[in-house]
C-alpha cells in the first residue's frame, strides 16, 4: 500500500475509531471549538514550534478535549504538522477524501486563502458515534504564517 493510500486509510480508521470511543460522552460545541482554535492561534503566534509540539501532545488538555483537537498543516506543501493521530503527521491534507468529497483539498484551500489570523469554515458530513450515517460537521480553520490550522465539531 502506498504512503498516500495508507495515510488516507489511517485517517479514516482514526476518525471512525475516535467517534466510537466517545460513546455517551458529550461532544464539543461550536463555541468550545472556536475557543480552542483561538488558543491555538495565540500559541502559534507566540512560538510556532512549541505550539505544534503542544498540539501533538495527547496529554495537553488545552488543545485536546473529547472529540475536539487542533490540527495543522503546512501551507507550503500541505503536509500535516499536527494531528490527533501521529500516523498522519507528514501526510498531505489535500489527499483526504470522504467518499466523493475532497474535504482535504477544501480544508487546504480554505486555510490557504484565508487572511492571516482570520477564522473561516468548511462543512462536510462525517459519521458520529451513535448515528447510523454521516452527520453535519464543521471545520473552523485559520492561517497563521505558513501553518493552516483548524478544529472540527459536529453541528
C-alpha atoms as a PDB file:
ATOM      1  CA  UNK A   1       0.000   0.000   0.000  1.00  0.00           C
ATOM      2  CA  UNK A   2       1.426   3.401  -0.960  1.00  0.00           C
ATOM      3  CA  UNK A   3       2.143   6.110   1.619  1.00  0.00           C
ATOM      4  CA  UNK A   4      -0.753   8.304   0.444  1.00  0.00           C
ATOM      5  CA  UNK A   5      -3.227   5.440   0.393  1.00  0.00           C
ATOM      6  CA  UNK A   6      -2.034   4.288   3.801  1.00  0.00           C
ATOM      7  CA  UNK A   7      -2.321   7.808   5.207  1.00  0.00           C
ATOM      8  CA  UNK A   8      -5.874   8.220   3.902  1.00  0.00           C
ATOM      9  CA  UNK A   9      -6.870   4.792   5.205  1.00  0.00           C
ATOM     10  CA  UNK A  10      -5.258   5.630   8.561  1.00  0.00           C
ATOM     11  CA  UNK A  11      -7.157   8.906   8.756  1.00  0.00           C
ATOM     12  CA  UNK A  12     -10.477   7.206   8.087  1.00  0.00           C
ATOM     13  CA  UNK A  13      -9.766   4.494  10.657  1.00  0.00           C
ATOM     14  CA  UNK A  14      -8.567   7.041  13.212  1.00  0.00           C
ATOM     15  CA  UNK A  15     -11.536   9.333  12.772  1.00  0.00           C
ATOM     16  CA  UNK A  16     -14.037   6.500  12.778  1.00  0.00           C
ATOM     17  CA  UNK A  17     -12.349   4.892  15.769  1.00  0.00           C
ATOM     18  CA  UNK A  18     -12.338   8.148  17.697  1.00  0.00           C
ATOM     19  CA  UNK A  19     -16.053   8.619  17.156  1.00  0.00           C
ATOM     20  CA  UNK A  20     -16.759   5.169  18.541  1.00  0.00           C
ATOM     21  CA  UNK A  21     -14.658   5.768  21.655  1.00  0.00           C
ATOM     22  CA  UNK A  22     -16.759   8.702  22.807  1.00  0.00           C
ATOM     23  CA  UNK A  23     -19.891   6.632  23.378  1.00  0.00           C
ATOM     24  CA  UNK A  24     -22.242   8.557  25.608  1.00  0.00           C
ATOM     25  CA  UNK A  25     -19.744  11.323  26.324  1.00  0.00           C
ATOM     26  CA  UNK A  26     -20.648  14.802  25.275  1.00  0.00           C
ATOM     27  CA  UNK A  27     -19.206  16.121  22.041  1.00  0.00           C
ATOM     28  CA  UNK A  28     -17.547  19.516  21.826  1.00  0.00           C
ATOM     29  CA  UNK A  29     -19.653  22.522  20.857  1.00  0.00           C
ATOM     30  CA  UNK A  30     -19.109  25.231  18.251  1.00  0.00           C
ATOM     31  CA  UNK A  31     -18.156  27.716  20.988  1.00  0.00           C
ATOM     32  CA  UNK A  32     -15.686  25.268  22.537  1.00  0.00           C
ATOM     33  CA  UNK A  33     -14.148  24.552  19.118  1.00  0.00           C
ATOM     34  CA  UNK A  34     -13.766  28.283  18.401  1.00  0.00           C
ATOM     35  CA  UNK A  35     -12.220  28.895  21.830  1.00  0.00           C
ATOM     36  CA  UNK A  36      -9.747  26.048  21.281  1.00  0.00           C
ATOM     37  CA  UNK A  37      -8.803  27.385  17.854  1.00  0.00           C
ATOM     38  CA  UNK A  38      -8.318  30.884  19.288  1.00  0.00           C
ATOM     39  CA  UNK A  39      -5.984  29.402  21.956  1.00  0.00           C
ATOM     40  CA  UNK A  40      -4.165  27.646  19.128  1.00  0.00           C
ATOM     41  CA  UNK A  41      -3.796  30.889  17.164  1.00  0.00           C
ATOM     42  CA  UNK A  42      -2.358  32.652  20.222  1.00  0.00           C
ATOM     43  CA  UNK A  43       0.060  29.772  20.837  1.00  0.00           C
ATOM     44  CA  UNK A  44       1.211  29.754  17.191  1.00  0.00           C
ATOM     45  CA  UNK A  45       1.814  33.497  17.233  1.00  0.00           C
ATOM     46  CA  UNK A  46       3.792  33.239  20.476  1.00  0.00           C
ATOM     47  CA  UNK A  47       6.025  30.296  19.447  1.00  0.00           C
ATOM     48  CA  UNK A  48       5.164  28.108  16.453  1.00  0.00           C
ATOM     49  CA  UNK A  49       7.487  25.239  17.359  1.00  0.00           C
ATOM     50  CA  UNK A  50       6.206  24.979  20.943  1.00  0.00           C
ATOM     51  CA  UNK A  51       2.603  25.288  19.761  1.00  0.00           C
ATOM     52  CA  UNK A  52       2.925  22.409  17.274  1.00  0.00           C
ATOM     53  CA  UNK A  53       4.534  20.288  19.980  1.00  0.00           C
ATOM     54  CA  UNK A  54       1.621  21.056  22.328  1.00  0.00           C
ATOM     55  CA  UNK A  55      -0.963  20.301  19.613  1.00  0.00           C
ATOM     56  CA  UNK A  56       0.642  16.869  19.115  1.00  0.00           C
ATOM     57  CA  UNK A  57       0.819  16.105  22.857  1.00  0.00           C
ATOM     58  CA  UNK A  58      -2.033  13.728  23.690  1.00  0.00           C
ATOM     59  CA  UNK A  59      -1.936  14.837  27.327  1.00  0.00           C
ATOM     60  CA  UNK A  60      -2.330  18.556  26.584  1.00  0.00           C
ATOM     61  CA  UNK A  61      -5.991  19.178  27.501  1.00  0.00           C
ATOM     62  CA  UNK A  62      -5.721  22.786  26.339  1.00  0.00           C
ATOM     63  CA  UNK A  63      -5.669  21.551  22.728  1.00  0.00           C
ATOM     64  CA  UNK A  64      -7.499  18.194  23.100  1.00  0.00           C
ATOM     65  CA  UNK A  65     -10.908  17.834  24.651  1.00  0.00           C
ATOM     66  CA  UNK A  66     -13.251  14.923  23.866  1.00  0.00           C
ATOM     67  CA  UNK A  67     -13.638  14.966  20.061  1.00  0.00           C
ATOM     68  CA  UNK A  68     -12.041  18.407  19.687  1.00  0.00           C
ATOM     69  CA  UNK A  69      -8.370  18.811  18.811  1.00  0.00           C
ATOM     70  CA  UNK A  70      -6.178  21.279  16.927  1.00  0.00           C
ATOM     71  CA  UNK A  71      -4.791  20.031  13.632  1.00  0.00           C
ATOM     72  CA  UNK A  72      -2.310  21.885  11.420  1.00  0.00           C
ATOM     73  CA  UNK A  73      -0.719  21.525   8.017  1.00  0.00           C
ATOM     74  CA  UNK A  74       1.933  23.381   6.084  1.00  0.00           C
ATOM     75  CA  UNK A  75       0.569  25.922   3.624  1.00  0.00           C
ATOM     76  CA  UNK A  76       3.751  25.391   1.572  1.00  0.00           C
ATOM     77  CA  UNK A  77       3.284  21.663   0.900  1.00  0.00           C
ATOM     78  CA  UNK A  78       0.043  20.543   2.583  1.00  0.00           C
ATOM     79  CA  UNK A  79       1.650  18.066   4.984  1.00  0.00           C
ATOM     80  CA  UNK A  80       0.204  17.620   8.465  1.00  0.00           C
ATOM     81  CA  UNK A  81       2.403  19.159  11.155  1.00  0.00           C
ATOM     82  CA  UNK A  82      -0.073  18.493  13.985  1.00  0.00           C
ATOM     83  CA  UNK A  83      -2.822  15.921  14.260  1.00  0.00           C
ATOM     84  CA  UNK A  84      -4.501  13.821  16.920  1.00  0.00           C
ATOM     85  CA  UNK A  85      -3.037  10.658  15.369  1.00  0.00           C
ATOM     86  CA  UNK A  86       0.741  10.611  14.813  1.00  0.00           C
ATOM     87  CA  UNK A  87       0.142   8.248  11.864  1.00  0.00           C
ATOM     88  CA  UNK A  88      -0.955  11.224   9.763  1.00  0.00           C
ATOM     89  CA  UNK A  89       1.970  13.521  10.507  1.00  0.00           C
ATOM     90  CA  UNK A  90       3.683  14.200   7.176  1.00  0.00           C
ATOM     91  CA  UNK A  91       0.652  13.046   5.122  1.00  0.00           C
ATOM     92  CA  UNK A  92      -0.779  15.534   2.619  1.00  0.00           C
ATOM     93  CA  UNK A  93      -4.106  17.008   3.750  1.00  0.00           C
ATOM     94  CA  UNK A  94      -5.067  17.596   0.100  1.00  0.00           C
ATOM     95  CA  UNK A  95      -5.246  13.815  -0.473  1.00  0.00           C
ATOM     96  CA  UNK A  96      -8.019  13.244   2.074  1.00  0.00           C
ATOM     97  CA  UNK A  97     -11.452  12.392   0.707  1.00  0.00           C
ATOM     98  CA  UNK A  98     -14.681  11.330   2.351  1.00  0.00           C
ATOM     99  CA  UNK A  99     -16.377   9.250  -0.317  1.00  0.00           C
ATOM    100  CA  UNK A 100     -16.520  11.718  -3.234  1.00  0.00           C
ATOM    101  CA  UNK A 101     -15.959  14.869  -1.137  1.00  0.00           C
ATOM    102  CA  UNK A 102     -12.389  16.210  -1.487  1.00  0.00           C
ATOM    103  CA  UNK A 103     -12.584  17.543   2.075  1.00  0.00           C
ATOM    104  CA  UNK A 104      -8.802  17.687   2.447  1.00  0.00           C
ATOM    105  CA  UNK A 105      -8.390  19.907  -0.609  1.00  0.00           C
ATOM    106  CA  UNK A 106     -11.266  22.091   0.593  1.00  0.00           C
ATOM    107  CA  UNK A 107      -9.632  22.398   4.039  1.00  0.00           C
ATOM    108  CA  UNK A 108      -6.300  23.301   2.452  1.00  0.00           C
ATOM    109  CA  UNK A 109      -7.900  25.880   0.137  1.00  0.00           C
ATOM    110  CA  UNK A 110      -9.867  27.486   2.977  1.00  0.00           C
ATOM    111  CA  UNK A 111      -6.771  27.997   5.132  1.00  0.00           C
ATOM    112  CA  UNK A 112      -4.531  28.898   2.178  1.00  0.00           C
ATOM    113  CA  UNK A 113      -6.917  31.614   1.012  1.00  0.00           C
ATOM    114  CA  UNK A 114      -7.750  32.977   4.484  1.00  0.00           C
ATOM    115  CA  UNK A 115      -6.317  36.237   5.742  1.00  0.00           C
ATOM    116  CA  UNK A 116      -3.682  35.621   8.413  1.00  0.00           C
ATOM    117  CA  UNK A 117      -5.420  35.032  11.761  1.00  0.00           C
ATOM    118  CA  UNK A 118      -8.974  35.118  10.390  1.00  0.00           C
ATOM    119  CA  UNK A 119     -11.288  32.157  11.012  1.00  0.00           C
ATOM    120  CA  UNK A 120     -13.145  30.555   8.105  1.00  0.00           C
ATOM    121  CA  UNK A 121     -15.210  27.379   7.987  1.00  0.00           C
ATOM    122  CA  UNK A 122     -15.990  24.427   5.767  1.00  0.00           C
ATOM    123  CA  UNK A 123     -18.825  21.955   6.212  1.00  0.00           C
ATOM    124  CA  UNK A 124     -18.868  18.244   5.452  1.00  0.00           C
ATOM    125  CA  UNK A 125     -20.609  15.071   6.598  1.00  0.00           C
ATOM    126  CA  UNK A 126     -18.906  12.531   8.822  1.00  0.00           C
ATOM    127  CA  UNK A 127     -20.098   9.602  10.977  1.00  0.00           C
ATOM    128  CA  UNK A 128     -20.701  10.351  14.648  1.00  0.00           C
ATOM    129  CA  UNK A 129     -20.852   7.762  17.398  1.00  0.00           C
ATOM    130  CA  UNK A 130     -24.442   6.686  17.835  1.00  0.00           C
ATOM    131  CA  UNK A 131     -25.563   7.778  14.371  1.00  0.00           C
ATOM    132  CA  UNK A 132     -26.444   5.453  11.523  1.00  0.00           C
ATOM    133  CA  UNK A 133     -24.741   7.557   8.903  1.00  0.00           C
ATOM    134  CA  UNK A 134     -22.781  10.723   8.289  1.00  0.00           C
ATOM    135  CA  UNK A 135     -23.941  13.873  10.071  1.00  0.00           C
ATOM    136  CA  UNK A 136     -23.021  17.533   9.502  1.00  0.00           C
ATOM    137  CA  UNK A 137     -19.652  18.616  10.805  1.00  0.00           C
ATOM    138  CA  UNK A 138     -17.890  21.987  10.618  1.00  0.00           C
ATOM    139  CA  UNK A 139     -14.186  22.670  10.494  1.00  0.00           C
ATOM    140  CA  UNK A 140     -13.137  26.107  11.737  1.00  0.00           C
ATOM    141  CA  UNK A 141      -9.842  26.997  10.110  1.00  0.00           C
ATOM    142  CA  UNK A 142      -7.240  29.711  10.110  1.00  0.00           C
ATOM    143  CA  UNK A 143      -3.900  30.610   8.645  1.00  0.00           C
ATOM    144  CA  UNK A 144      -1.087  31.759  10.896  1.00  0.00           C
ATOM    145  CA  UNK A 145       2.058  32.396   8.894  1.00  0.00           C
ATOM    146  CA  UNK A 146       2.848  29.204   6.966  1.00  0.00           C
ATOM    147  CA  UNK A 147       0.510  26.998   9.018  1.00  0.00           C
ATOM    148  CA  UNK A 148      -3.109  26.208   8.255  1.00  0.00           C
ATOM    149  CA  UNK A 149      -4.848  25.011  11.414  1.00  0.00           C
ATOM    150  CA  UNK A 150      -8.313  24.067  12.497  1.00  0.00           C
ATOM    151  CA  UNK A 151     -10.681  22.463  14.971  1.00  0.00           C
ATOM    152  CA  UNK A 152     -13.745  20.494  13.846  1.00  0.00           C
ATOM    153  CA  UNK A 153     -17.031  19.939  15.658  1.00  0.00           C
ATOM    154  CA  UNK A 154     -20.354  18.240  14.989  1.00  0.00           C
ATOM    155  CA  UNK A 155     -23.299  20.554  14.295  1.00  0.00           C
END
